[in-house]
C-alpha atoms as a PDB file:
ATOM      1  CA  MET A   1      88.509 139.845   8.993  1.00  0.00           C
ATOM      2  CA  THR A   2      89.997 136.343   8.968  1.00  0.00           C
ATOM      3  CA  THR A   3      88.757 134.558  12.096  1.00  0.00           C
ATOM      4  CA  VAL A   4      91.586 132.036  12.376  1.00  0.00           C
ATOM      5  CA  SER A   5      95.137 132.606  11.152  1.00  0.00           C
ATOM      6  CA  VAL A   6      97.833 130.029  11.898  1.00  0.00           C
ATOM      7  CA  ARG A   7     101.321 130.646  10.538  1.00  0.00           C
ATOM      8  CA  GLY A   8     104.197 128.169  10.801  1.00  0.00           C
ATOM      9  CA  ALA A   9     102.750 126.405  13.847  1.00  0.00           C
ATOM     10  CA  THR A  10     105.045 123.687  15.170  1.00  0.00           C
ATOM     11  CA  LYS A  11     104.309 121.518  18.204  1.00  0.00           C
ATOM     12  CA  SER A  12     106.269 118.564  19.555  1.00  0.00           C
ATOM     13  CA  PHE A  13     105.620 116.097  22.336  1.00  0.00           C
ATOM     14  CA  GLY A  14     108.935 114.569  23.299  1.00  0.00           C
ATOM     15  CA  ARG A  15     110.487 113.245  20.100  1.00  0.00           C
ATOM     16  CA  THR A  16     107.186 113.280  18.235  1.00  0.00           C
ATOM     17  CA  THR A  17     106.431 116.278  16.029  1.00  0.00           C
ATOM     18  CA  ALA A  18     102.640 116.624  15.997  1.00  0.00           C
ATOM     19  CA  LEU A  19     102.610 119.822  13.905  1.00  0.00           C
ATOM     20  CA  ASP A  20     105.353 120.812  11.483  1.00  0.00           C
ATOM     21  CA  SER A  21     105.169 124.426  10.235  1.00  0.00           C
ATOM     22  CA  VAL A  22     101.412 124.351   9.622  1.00  0.00           C
ATOM     23  CA  ASP A  23      99.591 127.270   7.995  1.00  0.00           C
ATOM     24  CA  LEU A  24      95.800 127.570   8.164  1.00  0.00           C
ATOM     25  CA  GLU A  25      93.202 130.275   7.626  1.00  0.00           C
ATOM     26  CA  ALA A  26      89.490 130.078   8.369  1.00  0.00           C
ATOM     27  CA  ASP A  27      86.753 132.610   7.662  1.00  0.00           C
ATOM     28  CA  PRO A  28      83.012 132.515   8.424  1.00  0.00           C
ATOM     29  CA  GLY A  29      81.509 129.246   7.217  1.00  0.00           C
ATOM     30  CA  VAL A  30      82.669 125.684   7.799  1.00  0.00           C
ATOM     31  CA  THR A  31      86.341 124.813   7.325  1.00  0.00           C
ATOM     32  CA  GLY A  32      87.229 121.135   7.505  1.00  0.00           C
ATOM     33  CA  LEU A  33      90.447 119.423   8.536  1.00  0.00           C
ATOM     34  CA  LEU A  34      90.723 116.124   6.729  1.00  0.00           C
ATOM     35  CA  GLY A  35      93.345 113.521   7.520  1.00  0.00           C
ATOM     36  CA  PRO A  36      94.005 110.055   8.911  1.00  0.00           C
ATOM     37  CA  ASN A  37      94.108 109.290  12.613  1.00  0.00           C
ATOM     38  CA  GLY A  38      97.335 110.579  14.132  1.00  0.00           C
ATOM     39  CA  ALA A  39      97.843 113.183  11.403  1.00  0.00           C
ATOM     40  CA  GLY A  40      97.911 116.154  13.805  1.00  0.00           C
ATOM     41  CA  LYS A  41      94.318 117.349  13.431  1.00  0.00           C
ATOM     42  CA  THR A  42      93.519 117.217  17.148  1.00  0.00           C
ATOM     43  CA  THR A  43      96.716 119.047  18.074  1.00  0.00           C
ATOM     44  CA  LEU A  44      95.884 121.791  15.580  1.00  0.00           C
ATOM     45  CA  LEU A  45      92.313 122.084  16.874  1.00  0.00           C
ATOM     46  CA  ARG A  46      93.497 122.208  20.489  1.00  0.00           C
ATOM     47  CA  THR A  47      95.816 125.028  19.445  1.00  0.00           C
ATOM     48  CA  ILE A  48      92.919 126.903  17.830  1.00  0.00           C
ATOM     49  CA  ALA A  49      90.819 126.261  20.950  1.00  0.00           C
ATOM     50  CA  THR A  50      93.609 127.876  23.083  1.00  0.00           C
ATOM     51  CA  VAL A  51      94.174 124.612  24.984  1.00  0.00           C
ATOM     52  CA  LEU A  52      97.723 124.324  23.589  1.00  0.00           C
ATOM     53  CA  ALA A  53     100.290 126.898  22.540  1.00  0.00           C
ATOM     54  CA  PRO A  54     102.628 126.167  19.623  1.00  0.00           C
ATOM     55  CA  ASP A  55     106.346 125.780  20.276  1.00  0.00           C
ATOM     56  CA  ARG A  56     106.974 127.994  17.251  1.00  0.00           C
ATOM     57  CA  GLY A  57     104.809 130.007  14.900  1.00  0.00           C
ATOM     58  CA  THR A  58     101.975 132.474  15.385  1.00  0.00           C
ATOM     59  CA  VAL A  59      98.255 132.110  15.970  1.00  0.00           C
ATOM     60  CA  THR A  60      95.689 134.889  15.653  1.00  0.00           C
ATOM     61  CA  LEU A  61      92.073 134.199  16.648  1.00  0.00           C
ATOM     62  CA  LEU A  62      89.253 136.694  16.244  1.00  0.00           C
ATOM     63  CA  GLY A  63      91.870 139.399  15.716  1.00  0.00           C
ATOM     64  CA  ARG A  64      93.632 138.631  19.002  1.00  0.00           C
ATOM     65  CA  ASP A  65      96.830 136.902  20.107  1.00  0.00           C
ATOM     66  CA  PRO A  66      96.104 133.914  22.418  1.00  0.00           C
ATOM     67  CA  SER A  67      99.653 134.023  23.807  1.00  0.00           C
ATOM     68  CA  ARG A  68      98.624 137.167  25.698  1.00  0.00           C
ATOM     69  CA  PRO A  69      96.570 136.336  28.819  1.00  0.00           C
ATOM     70  CA  ASP A  70      94.077 139.182  28.364  1.00  0.00           C
ATOM     71  CA  ASP A  71      93.559 138.366  24.699  1.00  0.00           C
ATOM     72  CA  ARG A  72      93.195 134.661  25.513  1.00  0.00           C
ATOM     73  CA  THR A  73      90.420 135.457  27.983  1.00  0.00           C
ATOM     74  CA  ARG A  74      88.596 137.607  25.400  1.00  0.00           C
ATOM     75  CA  ILE A  75      88.962 134.841  22.780  1.00  0.00           C
ATOM     76  CA  ARG A  76      87.538 132.204  25.112  1.00  0.00           C
ATOM     77  CA  GLU A  77      84.493 134.371  25.746  1.00  0.00           C
ATOM     78  CA  ARG A  78      83.706 134.084  22.004  1.00  0.00           C
ATOM     79  CA  LEU A  79      84.835 130.471  21.506  1.00  0.00           C
ATOM     80  CA  GLY A  80      82.976 127.153  21.670  1.00  0.00           C
ATOM     81  CA  TYR A  81      84.886 123.867  21.739  1.00  0.00           C
ATOM     82  CA  LEU A  82      83.797 120.255  21.324  1.00  0.00           C
ATOM     83  CA  PRO A  83      86.759 117.909  21.991  1.00  0.00           C
ATOM     84  CA  GLN A  84      86.724 114.250  20.988  1.00  0.00           C
ATOM     85  CA  ASP A  85      86.147 113.347  24.633  1.00  0.00           C
ATOM     86  CA  ALA A  86      83.927 115.999  26.155  1.00  0.00           C
ATOM     87  CA  GLY A  87      84.593 114.782  29.720  1.00  0.00           C
ATOM     88  CA  PHE A  88      80.941 114.419  30.694  1.00  0.00           C
ATOM     89  CA  HIS A  89      79.927 114.128  34.328  1.00  0.00           C
ATOM     90  CA  ARG A  90      77.779 111.107  33.575  1.00  0.00           C
ATOM     91  CA  GLY A  91      75.769 111.440  36.779  1.00  0.00           C
ATOM     92  CA  PHE A  92      74.533 114.879  35.735  1.00  0.00           C
ATOM     93  CA  THR A  93      71.354 115.346  33.788  1.00  0.00           C
ATOM     94  CA  VAL A  94      71.660 117.041  30.400  1.00  0.00           C
ATOM     95  CA  PHE A  95      70.393 120.316  31.852  1.00  0.00           C
ATOM     96  CA  GLU A  96      72.731 120.090  34.872  1.00  0.00           C
ATOM     97  CA  PHE A  97      75.793 119.429  32.746  1.00  0.00           C
ATOM     98  CA  VAL A  98      75.158 122.248  30.274  1.00  0.00           C
ATOM     99  CA  ASP A  99      74.348 124.550  33.189  1.00  0.00           C
ATOM    100  CA  TYR A 100      77.605 123.519  34.880  1.00  0.00           C
ATOM    101  CA  VAL A 101      79.588 124.445  31.757  1.00  0.00           C
ATOM    102  CA  ALA A 102      77.699 127.762  31.584  1.00  0.00           C
ATOM    103  CA  ILE A 103      78.832 128.504  35.142  1.00  0.00           C
ATOM    104  CA  LEU A 104      82.432 127.690  34.138  1.00  0.00           C
ATOM    105  CA  LYS A 105      81.985 130.207  31.319  1.00  0.00           C
ATOM    106  CA  GLU A 106      81.166 132.774  34.007  1.00  0.00           C
ATOM    107  CA  MET A 107      77.464 133.099  33.254  1.00  0.00           C
ATOM    108  CA  THR A 108      76.725 133.989  36.857  1.00  0.00           C
ATOM    109  CA  ASP A 109      73.160 135.370  36.722  1.00  0.00           C
ATOM    110  CA  ARG A 110      70.934 132.354  37.271  1.00  0.00           C
ATOM    111  CA  ARG A 111      67.836 133.326  35.282  1.00  0.00           C
ATOM    112  CA  PRO A 112      69.536 134.473  32.038  1.00  0.00           C
ATOM    113  CA  ARG A 113      71.957 131.554  32.363  1.00  0.00           C
ATOM    114  CA  HIS A 114      69.112 129.059  32.538  1.00  0.00           C
ATOM    115  CA  ASP A 115      67.451 130.765  29.565  1.00  0.00           C
ATOM    116  CA  GLU A 116      70.680 130.280  27.603  1.00  0.00           C
ATOM    117  CA  VAL A 117      70.946 126.633  28.682  1.00  0.00           C
ATOM    118  CA  ARG A 118      67.387 125.996  27.492  1.00  0.00           C
ATOM    119  CA  ARG A 119      68.170 127.776  24.198  1.00  0.00           C
ATOM    120  CA  VAL A 120      71.137 125.540  23.301  1.00  0.00           C
ATOM    121  CA  ILE A 121      69.308 122.429  24.479  1.00  0.00           C
ATOM    122  CA  ALA A 122      66.451 123.290  22.117  1.00  0.00           C
ATOM    123  CA  LEU A 123      68.903 124.192  19.346  1.00  0.00           C
ATOM    124  CA  THR A 124      70.458 120.704  19.499  1.00  0.00           C
ATOM    125  CA  GLY A 125      67.159 118.825  19.812  1.00  0.00           C
ATOM    126  CA  LEU A 126      67.652 117.712  23.415  1.00  0.00           C
ATOM    127  CA  GLU A 127      64.484 119.068  24.994  1.00  0.00           C
ATOM    128  CA  SER A 128      62.888 115.632  25.409  1.00  0.00           C
ATOM    129  CA  VAL A 129      65.935 114.294  27.309  1.00  0.00           C
ATOM    130  CA  SER A 130      67.008 117.399  29.239  1.00  0.00           C
ATOM    131  CA  ALA A 131      66.083 115.759  32.565  1.00  0.00           C
ATOM    132  CA  LYS A 132      67.810 112.440  31.745  1.00  0.00           C
ATOM    133  CA  ARG A 133      71.186 111.532  33.154  1.00  0.00           C
ATOM    134  CA  ILE A 134      73.983 111.576  30.606  1.00  0.00           C
ATOM    135  CA  ARG A 135      74.947 107.972  31.377  1.00  0.00           C
ATOM    136  CA  ALA A 136      71.510 106.887  30.093  1.00  0.00           C
ATOM    137  CA  LEU A 137      71.929 108.588  26.700  1.00  0.00           C
ATOM    138  CA  SER A 138      73.034 107.058  23.402  1.00  0.00           C
ATOM    139  CA  GLY A 139      76.364 108.042  21.882  1.00  0.00           C
ATOM    140  CA  GLY A 140      74.601 110.280  19.400  1.00  0.00           C
ATOM    141  CA  MET A 141      72.717 112.103  22.143  1.00  0.00           C
ATOM    142  CA  ARG A 142      75.917 112.588  24.136  1.00  0.00           C
ATOM    143  CA  ARG A 143      77.559 114.192  21.080  1.00  0.00           C
ATOM    144  CA  ARG A 144      74.566 116.560  20.935  1.00  0.00           C
ATOM    145  CA  VAL A 145      75.160 117.464  24.580  1.00  0.00           C
ATOM    146  CA  GLY A 146      78.756 118.232  23.642  1.00  0.00           C
ATOM    147  CA  LEU A 147      77.598 120.486  20.823  1.00  0.00           C
ATOM    148  CA  ALA A 148      75.072 122.186  23.118  1.00  0.00           C
ATOM    149  CA  GLN A 149      77.737 123.179  25.634  1.00  0.00           C
ATOM    150  CA  ALA A 150      79.964 124.411  22.795  1.00  0.00           C
ATOM    151  CA  MET A 151      77.123 126.641  21.537  1.00  0.00           C
ATOM    152  CA  LEU A 152      76.676 128.417  24.871  1.00  0.00           C
ATOM    153  CA  GLY A 153      76.936 132.175  24.503  1.00  0.00           C
ATOM    154  CA  ASP A 154      76.444 132.048  20.715  1.00  0.00           C
ATOM    155  CA  PRO A 155      80.213 131.899  19.988  1.00  0.00           C
ATOM    156  CA  ASP A 156      81.789 133.530  16.955  1.00  0.00           C
ATOM    157  CA  LEU A 157      84.251 130.627  16.604  1.00  0.00           C
ATOM    158  CA  LEU A 158      83.227 126.983  16.986  1.00  0.00           C
ATOM    159  CA  VAL A 159      85.913 124.270  17.118  1.00  0.00           C
ATOM    160  CA  LEU A 160      84.667 120.688  16.652  1.00  0.00           C
ATOM    161  CA  ASP A 161      86.963 117.663  16.893  1.00  0.00           C
ATOM    162  CA  GLU A 162      85.519 114.658  15.006  1.00  0.00           C
ATOM    163  CA  PRO A 163      81.910 115.680  15.785  1.00  0.00           C
ATOM    164  CA  THR A 164      80.342 112.741  13.905  1.00  0.00           C
ATOM    165  CA  VAL A 165      82.637 109.964  15.156  1.00  0.00           C
ATOM    166  CA  GLY A 166      80.755 106.900  16.384  1.00  0.00           C
ATOM    167  CA  LEU A 167      77.396 108.052  15.040  1.00  0.00           C
ATOM    168  CA  ASP A 168      75.087 105.888  12.961  1.00  0.00           C
ATOM    169  CA  PRO A 169      74.060 107.152   9.480  1.00  0.00           C
ATOM    170  CA  GLU A 170      70.846 108.818  10.682  1.00  0.00           C
ATOM    171  CA  GLN A 171      72.600 110.525  13.585  1.00  0.00           C
ATOM    172  CA  ARG A 172      75.371 111.726  11.266  1.00  0.00           C
ATOM    173  CA  LEU A 173      72.834 113.287   8.899  1.00  0.00           C
ATOM    174  CA  ARG A 174      71.142 115.117  11.771  1.00  0.00           C
ATOM    175  CA  PHE A 175      74.486 116.272  13.128  1.00  0.00           C
ATOM    176  CA  ARG A 176      75.494 117.551   9.696  1.00  0.00           C
ATOM    177  CA  GLU A 177      72.342 119.646   9.628  1.00  0.00           C
ATOM    178  CA  MET A 178      73.157 121.170  13.007  1.00  0.00           C
ATOM    179  CA  ILE A 179      76.759 121.923  12.016  1.00  0.00           C
ATOM    180  CA  SER A 180      75.612 123.460   8.728  1.00  0.00           C
ATOM    181  CA  GLN A 181      73.226 125.743  10.597  1.00  0.00           C
ATOM    182  CA  ALA A 182      75.952 126.600  13.109  1.00  0.00           C
ATOM    183  CA  GLY A 183      78.190 127.722  10.226  1.00  0.00           C
ATOM    184  CA  GLU A 184      75.737 130.413   9.144  1.00  0.00           C
ATOM    185  CA  GLY A 185      77.148 133.711  10.400  1.00  0.00           C
ATOM    186  CA  ARG A 186      80.067 132.251  12.374  1.00  0.00           C
ATOM    187  CA  THR A 187      83.311 130.371  11.782  1.00  0.00           C
ATOM    188  CA  VAL A 188      83.325 126.616  12.332  1.00  0.00           C
ATOM    189  CA  VAL A 189      86.551 124.608  12.181  1.00  0.00           C
ATOM    190  CA  MET A 190      85.927 120.867  12.342  1.00  0.00           C
ATOM    191  CA  SER A 191      88.053 117.772  11.858  1.00  0.00           C
ATOM    192  CA  SER A 192      87.106 114.475  10.302  1.00  0.00           C
ATOM    193  CA  HIS A 193      88.623 111.466   8.594  1.00  0.00           C
ATOM    194  CA  GLN A 194      85.294 110.968   6.771  1.00  0.00           C
ATOM    195  CA  THR A 195      85.362 112.540   3.321  1.00  0.00           C
ATOM    196  CA  GLU A 196      81.548 112.381   3.125  1.00  0.00           C
ATOM    197  CA  ASP A 197      81.208 114.778   6.077  1.00  0.00           C
ATOM    198  CA  ILE A 198      83.747 117.180   4.599  1.00  0.00           C
ATOM    199  CA  THR A 199      82.053 117.100   1.182  1.00  0.00           C
ATOM    200  CA  ALA A 200      78.627 117.698   2.705  1.00  0.00           C
ATOM    201  CA  LEU A 201      79.566 120.552   5.033  1.00  0.00           C
ATOM    202  CA  CYS A 202      82.734 122.429   4.202  1.00  0.00           C
ATOM    203  CA  THR A 203      83.327 125.437   1.973  1.00  0.00           C
ATOM    204  CA  ARG A 204      87.083 125.100   2.506  1.00  0.00           C
ATOM    205  CA  ILE A 205      89.278 122.204   3.558  1.00  0.00           C
ATOM    206  CA  ALA A 206      92.830 121.552   4.691  1.00  0.00           C
ATOM    207  CA  VAL A 207      94.387 118.107   4.408  1.00  0.00           C
ATOM    208  CA  ILE A 208      96.643 117.377   7.381  1.00  0.00           C
ATOM    209  CA  HIS A 209      99.040 114.455   7.043  1.00  0.00           C
ATOM    210  CA  GLN A 210     102.092 113.556   9.125  1.00  0.00           C
ATOM    211  CA  GLY A 211     101.837 116.870  10.952  1.00  0.00           C
ATOM    212  CA  ARG A 212     101.880 119.034   7.829  1.00  0.00           C
ATOM    213  CA  ALA A 213      99.238 120.841   5.798  1.00  0.00           C
ATOM    214  CA  ARG A 214      99.356 119.147   2.391  1.00  0.00           C
ATOM    215  CA  PHE A 215      96.505 121.089   0.783  1.00  0.00           C
ATOM    216  CA  ALA A 216      94.302 124.106   1.492  1.00  0.00           C
ATOM    217  CA  GLY A 217      91.452 125.186  -0.748  1.00  0.00           C
ATOM    218  CA  THR A 218      87.919 124.274  -1.740  1.00  0.00           C
ATOM    219  CA  PRO A 219      86.605 120.691  -2.036  1.00  0.00           C
ATOM    220  CA  ALA A 220      86.165 121.275  -5.785  1.00  0.00           C
ATOM    221  CA  GLU A 221      89.817 122.330  -6.150  1.00  0.00           C
ATOM    222  CA  LEU A 222      91.042 119.187  -4.405  1.00  0.00           C
ATOM    223  CA  THR A 223      88.690 116.948  -6.390  1.00  0.00           C
ATOM    224  CA  ALA A 224      89.947 118.486  -9.647  1.00  0.00           C
ATOM    225  CA  ARG A 225      93.431 117.213  -8.843  1.00  0.00           C
ATOM    226  CA  ALA A 226      92.178 113.676  -9.429  1.00  0.00           C
ATOM    227  CA  GLU A 227      90.840 114.333 -12.943  1.00  0.00           C
ATOM    228  CA  GLY A 228      92.104 111.670 -15.327  1.00  0.00           C
ATOM    229  CA  ARG A 229      93.325 109.437 -12.493  1.00  0.00           C
ATOM    230  CA  VAL A 230      90.216 107.363 -11.733  1.00  0.00           C
ATOM    231  CA  TRP A 231      89.019 104.563 -13.966  1.00  0.00           C
ATOM    232  CA  THR A 232      86.780 101.533 -13.977  1.00  0.00           C
ATOM    233  CA  ASP A 233      87.737  98.030 -15.042  1.00  0.00           C
ATOM    234  CA  THR A 234      86.698  94.409 -14.668  1.00  0.00           C
ATOM    235  CA  ARG A 235      89.718  93.783 -12.436  1.00  0.00           C
ATOM    236  CA  ARG A 236      91.999  95.510  -9.984  1.00  0.00           C
ATOM    237  CA  SER A 237      94.668  97.274 -11.973  1.00  0.00           C
ATOM    238  CA  PRO A 238      98.307  96.742 -10.888  1.00  0.00           C
ATOM    239  CA  ALA A 239      98.831 100.442 -11.650  1.00  0.00           C
ATOM    240  CA  ALA A 240      96.281 101.511  -9.014  1.00  0.00           C
ATOM    241  CA  LEU A 241      97.272 103.172  -5.770  1.00  0.00           C
ATOM    242  CA  ALA A 242      93.906 102.003  -4.391  1.00  0.00           C
ATOM    243  CA  ALA A 243      91.138  99.889  -5.885  1.00  0.00           C
ATOM    244  CA  TRP A 244      87.933  98.301  -4.681  1.00  0.00           C
ATOM    245  CA  ARG A 245      85.063  96.312  -6.108  1.00  0.00           C
ATOM    246  CA  THR A 246      81.851  98.328  -6.310  1.00  0.00           C
ATOM    247  CA  GLY A 247      78.293  97.139  -5.934  1.00  0.00           C
ATOM    248  CA  ASP A 248      77.891  96.542  -9.685  1.00  0.00           C
ATOM    249  CA  GLY A 249      80.883  94.178  -9.731  1.00  0.00           C
ATOM    250  CA  ALA A 250      83.305  96.540 -11.497  1.00  0.00           C
ATOM    251  CA  TYR A 251      86.547  97.774  -9.923  1.00  0.00           C
ATOM    252  CA  ARG A 252      87.118 101.444  -9.187  1.00  0.00           C
ATOM    253  CA  ASN A 253      90.828 102.132  -9.644  1.00  0.00           C
ATOM    254  CA  VAL A 254      92.638 105.239  -8.408  1.00  0.00           C
ATOM    255  CA  GLY A 255      96.174 106.054  -9.517  1.00  0.00           C
ATOM    256  CA  ASP A 256      97.948 106.356 -12.859  1.00  0.00           C
ATOM    257  CA  PRO A 257      95.664 104.778 -15.478  1.00  0.00           C
ATOM    258  CA  PRO A 258      96.990 102.582 -18.280  1.00  0.00           C
ATOM    259  CA  ARG A 259      96.537 103.637 -21.892  1.00  0.00           C
ATOM    260  CA  GLY A 260      92.932 103.289 -23.050  1.00  0.00           C
ATOM    261  CA  ALA A 261      91.483 103.108 -19.520  1.00  0.00           C
ATOM    262  CA  GLU A 262      87.795 103.956 -19.083  1.00  0.00           C
ATOM    263  CA  LEU A 263      88.073 107.154 -17.060  1.00  0.00           C
ATOM    264  CA  ILE A 264      85.299 108.185 -14.671  1.00  0.00           C
ATOM    265  CA  PRO A 265      84.671 111.411 -12.701  1.00  0.00           C
ATOM    266  CA  PRO A 266      86.668 111.592  -9.454  1.00  0.00           C
ATOM    267  CA  THR A 267      85.302 112.222  -5.982  1.00  0.00           C
ATOM    268  CA  LEU A 268      86.852 114.089  -3.067  1.00  0.00           C
ATOM    269  CA  GLU A 269      87.761 110.719  -1.558  1.00  0.00           C
ATOM    270  CA  ASP A 270      89.683 109.767  -4.699  1.00  0.00           C
ATOM    271  CA  ALA A 271      91.651 113.019  -4.605  1.00  0.00           C
ATOM    272  CA  TYR A 272      92.332 112.621  -0.887  1.00  0.00           C
ATOM    273  CA  LEU A 273      93.658 109.080  -1.377  1.00  0.00           C
ATOM    274  CA  LEU A 274      95.961 110.289  -4.155  1.00  0.00           C
ATOM    275  CA  LEU A 275      97.233 113.236  -2.122  1.00  0.00           C
ATOM    276  CA  VAL A 276      97.935 111.210   1.011  1.00  0.00           C
ATOM    277  CA  GLY A 277      99.455 108.426  -1.075  1.00  0.00           C
ATOM    278  CA  GLU A 278     102.080 110.833  -2.387  1.00  0.00           C
ATOM    279  CA  PHE A 279     103.533 111.168   1.103  1.00  0.00           C
ATOM    280  CA  GLU A 280     103.296 107.559   2.300  1.00  0.00           C
ATOM    281  CA  PRO A 281     106.670 105.795   2.562  1.00  0.00           C
ATOM    282  CA  GLU A 282     107.224 103.125  -0.021  1.00  0.00           C
ATOM    283  CA  VAL A 283     107.119  99.556   1.253  1.00  0.00           C
ATOM    284  CA  THR A 284     110.124  97.491   0.216  1.00  0.00           C
ATOM    285  CA  HIS A 285     110.340  93.737   0.380  1.00  0.00           C
ATOM    286  CA  SER A 286     113.589  91.873   0.980  1.00  0.00           C
END
């Protein structure tokens, strides 16, 4: 059964259309939403997390319809959500905060609830700081606390909004490991504007740009779209959509190569830049 099915989802805030007829499917494993800031990723994730309802379109989660109150309650019992801003009570200790969220999730029996809190704290590597106040933690540790509360109750669907934002390279690697493990046997939908995270973690991706889904498929399928459109040169090519000088002094050019260009294998980032570039408005100079 498909865990997440979004069909024609449209959502507007005033005159701004955040989602424009978006389709998305997600099955067990890690599905990534890739796109620039302001593309609509957070709105789509909040819709999947049952925080928002679309103005138009249909959403089915775990075989249920979140527009129905009873179904929405059943979905939330099997859903974990990490928003960009987890809204920590910074005066709480790690244990107190995760326990507080467990109470909100209606885990009323104290002993089994505390066992579950300890389980997710151990799962996210927070045992050594469980008695520390959240305000004393690093940004990376606070993101772990956010993941711990999302993992309460061993949810079938995990929704993560920019889980690695603000983390240093070591923290990002550790977080990737945790997300990869979380995707074994459940469905994870995560957003990022970092192609490295998507490449490392996701079996399927959707590129969201200007409120629309521009691509859905595997990372390999998107990367293949850039074949023959990446080349190296001693200078920045005027034909390049994007170009940058690499560590060896050569320029990596992405776009429509000139005749005789020295083509090189593309990456997911190259393909993403080309795809997004297709929909960027042209800049005219007067």
